[in-house]
Protein backbone atom coordinates (compact mmCIF):
# COMPACT_ATOMS: atom_id res chain seq x y z
CA UNK A 1 14.88 -7.38 1.58
CA UNK A 2 15.03 -8.50 5.19
CA UNK A 3 13.45 -5.96 7.51
CA UNK A 4 15.81 -6.81 10.37
CA UNK A 5 19.28 -5.23 10.39
CA UNK A 6 22.30 -7.47 10.68
CA UNK A 7 24.98 -6.60 13.23
CA UNK A 8 28.64 -6.57 12.22
CA UNK A 9 31.59 -5.84 14.43
CA UNK A 10 34.43 -3.99 12.76
CA UNK A 11 37.73 -2.73 14.05
CA UNK A 12 38.86 0.71 12.94
CA UNK A 13 42.22 2.29 13.44
CA UNK A 14 42.09 5.41 15.64
CA UNK A 15 42.63 7.84 12.74
CA UNK A 16 39.79 6.26 10.73
CA UNK A 17 37.48 6.12 13.75
CA UNK A 18 38.23 9.73 14.68
CA UNK A 19 37.84 10.86 11.07
CA UNK A 20 34.48 9.13 10.79
CA UNK A 21 33.45 10.73 14.07
CA UNK A 22 34.29 14.21 12.74
CA UNK A 23 32.43 13.53 9.48
CA UNK A 24 29.41 12.25 11.39
CA UNK A 25 29.43 15.28 13.69
CA UNK A 26 29.53 17.58 10.67
CA UNK A 27 26.49 15.73 9.28
CA UNK A 28 24.72 15.88 12.69
CA UNK A 29 24.66 12.09 12.78
CA UNK A 30 25.78 9.41 15.16
CA UNK A 31 28.96 7.79 13.88
CA UNK A 32 27.32 4.38 13.48
CA UNK A 33 24.47 5.87 11.39
CA UNK A 34 26.98 7.79 9.29
CA UNK A 35 28.93 4.58 8.61
CA UNK A 36 25.70 2.78 7.66
CA UNK A 37 24.87 5.51 5.12
CA UNK A 38 28.40 5.50 3.67
CA UNK A 39 28.31 1.72 3.26
CA UNK A 40 24.78 1.82 1.82
CA UNK A 41 25.81 4.42 -0.77
CA UNK A 42 28.86 2.34 -1.65
CA UNK A 43 26.71 -0.75 -2.19
CA UNK A 44 24.24 1.18 -4.35
CA UNK A 45 27.02 2.74 -6.44
CA UNK A 46 28.41 -0.76 -7.04
CA UNK A 47 24.96 -2.20 -7.76
CA UNK A 48 25.20 -4.71 -4.90
CA UNK A 49 21.52 -4.73 -3.84
CA UNK A 50 18.75 -5.62 -6.29
CA UNK A 51 17.31 -2.48 -7.96
CA UNK A 52 14.02 -2.47 -5.97
CA UNK A 53 15.95 -2.70 -2.70
CA UNK A 54 18.37 0.00 -3.83
CA UNK A 55 15.40 2.34 -4.33
CA UNK A 56 14.25 1.70 -0.76
CA UNK A 57 17.76 2.24 0.63
CA UNK A 58 18.18 5.47 -1.34
CA UNK A 59 14.81 6.69 -0.06
CA UNK A 60 15.86 6.05 3.54
CA UNK A 61 19.08 8.03 3.04
CA UNK A 62 17.11 10.88 1.42
CA UNK A 63 14.54 10.77 4.22
CA UNK A 64 17.28 11.18 6.84
CA UNK A 65 18.65 14.23 5.03
CA UNK A 66 15.16 15.72 4.72
CA UNK A 67 14.57 15.13 8.44
CA UNK A 68 17.76 17.01 9.33
CA UNK A 69 16.82 19.93 7.09
CA UNK A 70 13.22 20.17 8.34
CA UNK A 71 14.39 19.95 11.97
CA UNK A 72 16.93 22.71 11.49
CA UNK A 73 14.40 24.95 9.72
CA UNK A 74 11.83 24.28 12.46
CA UNK A 75 14.27 25.38 15.16
CA UNK A 76 16.10 28.06 13.17
CA UNK A 77 14.57 31.04 14.96
CA UNK A 78 13.15 29.51 18.15
CA UNK A 79 13.71 26.08 19.63
CA UNK A 80 10.57 23.93 19.36
CA UNK A 81 10.27 21.11 21.91
CA UNK A 82 7.88 19.34 19.52
CA UNK A 83 10.35 19.32 16.63
CA UNK A 84 10.17 15.53 16.22
CA UNK A 85 6.41 15.69 15.74
CA UNK A 86 6.76 18.68 13.40
CA UNK A 87 9.21 16.77 11.17
CA UNK A 88 6.87 13.79 10.92
CA UNK A 89 3.95 16.14 10.23
CA UNK A 90 5.98 17.62 7.37
CA UNK A 91 6.48 14.09 6.02
CA UNK A 92 2.71 13.48 6.25
CA UNK A 93 1.55 16.77 4.73
CA UNK A 94 4.06 17.20 1.89
CA UNK A 95 3.27 14.83 -1.02
CA UNK A 96 6.94 14.55 -2.07
CA UNK A 97 8.09 13.75 1.47
CA UNK A 98 5.21 11.30 1.96
CA UNK A 99 6.31 9.40 -1.14
CA UNK A 100 9.91 9.26 0.08
CA UNK A 101 8.72 8.05 3.49
CA UNK A 102 6.46 5.36 1.99
CA UNK A 103 9.29 4.14 -0.24
CA UNK A 104 11.77 4.07 2.65
CA UNK A 105 9.49 2.07 4.96
CA UNK A 106 8.21 -0.12 2.14
CA UNK A 107 4.52 0.32 2.87
CA UNK A 108 1.61 2.26 4.29
CA UNK A 109 2.72 4.75 6.97
CA UNK A 110 -0.48 4.20 8.96
CA UNK A 111 -0.29 0.39 8.97
CA UNK A 112 0.87 -1.31 12.16
CA UNK A 113 3.58 -3.92 12.54
CA UNK A 114 6.12 -2.68 9.99
CA UNK A 115 9.58 -3.38 11.48
CA UNK A 116 11.30 -1.21 8.86
CA UNK A 117 9.09 1.73 9.82
CA UNK A 118 9.77 1.19 13.53
CA UNK A 119 13.54 1.09 12.92
CA UNK A 120 13.50 4.12 10.62
CA UNK A 121 11.31 6.14 13.01
CA UNK A 122 13.69 5.43 15.92
CA UNK A 123 16.65 6.41 13.76
CA UNK A 124 14.91 9.60 12.64
CA UNK A 125 14.07 10.58 16.22
CA UNK A 126 17.72 10.31 17.22
CA UNK A 127 18.86 12.07 14.06
CA UNK A 128 16.42 14.96 14.63
CA UNK A 129 17.55 15.28 18.25
CA UNK A 130 21.20 15.42 17.14
CA UNK A 131 20.52 17.82 14.26
CA UNK A 132 19.19 20.50 16.59
CA UNK A 133 21.42 19.67 19.58
CA UNK A 134 18.44 18.47 21.57
CA UNK A 135 17.98 16.28 24.60
CA UNK A 136 14.90 14.31 25.63
CA UNK A 137 12.77 15.94 28.31
CA UNK A 138 12.17 13.98 31.51
CA UNK A 139 9.23 13.67 33.86
CA UNK A 140 9.53 14.81 37.47
CA UNK A 141 10.49 11.21 38.32
CA UNK A 142 13.39 11.32 35.87
CA UNK A 143 11.74 9.08 33.28
CA UNK A 144 11.88 10.09 29.63
CA UNK A 145 8.76 12.08 28.72
CA UNK A 146 6.73 10.40 25.98
CA UNK A 147 3.78 11.95 24.13
CA UNK A 148 1.26 9.68 22.38
CA UNK A 149 -0.19 10.91 19.07
CA UNK A 150 -2.77 9.63 16.61
CA UNK A 151 -3.22 9.95 12.85
CA UNK A 152 0.52 10.55 12.41
CA UNK A 153 3.34 8.45 10.93
CA UNK A 154 4.57 7.97 14.51
CA UNK A 155 2.70 6.64 17.52
CA UNK A 156 4.66 8.64 20.10
CA UNK A 157 7.63 10.96 20.47
CA UNK A 158 9.79 12.56 23.13
CA UNK A 159 9.62 16.34 23.46
CA UNK A 160 13.11 17.85 23.40
CA UNK A 161 14.99 20.63 25.10
CA UNK A 162 18.31 22.16 24.18
CA UNK A 163 21.13 19.89 25.30
CA UNK A 164 22.80 22.92 26.88
CA UNK A 165 19.74 23.72 29.02
CA UNK A 166 19.18 22.20 32.46
């Protein structure tokens, strides 16, 4: 399976676009990510990808759902600005989630240079932010705050604040 996504431009009628937007909002996803998952599930159901690739695609979809659930549990009682890190730590410390993560990225989570892992990690960061209605924190200069980490499945992350906070 190619590790680089292919871009497609599609035209949707307003009712379809709006409907997909509502469905994506309900799933705490960006509309484009929601569409990708819907199309991926459709392909898997119709046995379009080879079986080994279908397993990787299914794992990525499951990983996204797990990330949403862990993020919501993490912030259920009190908002945690380090929720992105906490989700990835859950992936690292839970054997079942580690296996799903390894299958989704197609390799060792600690290896460098895996474009699938880089893409999935970016997607998960956005998905986590949306799942808990977060917004990236900024430095005093207005730049996005970025925290470097080691011995994690991610190299860095952006601490979050509630989107409704200033």
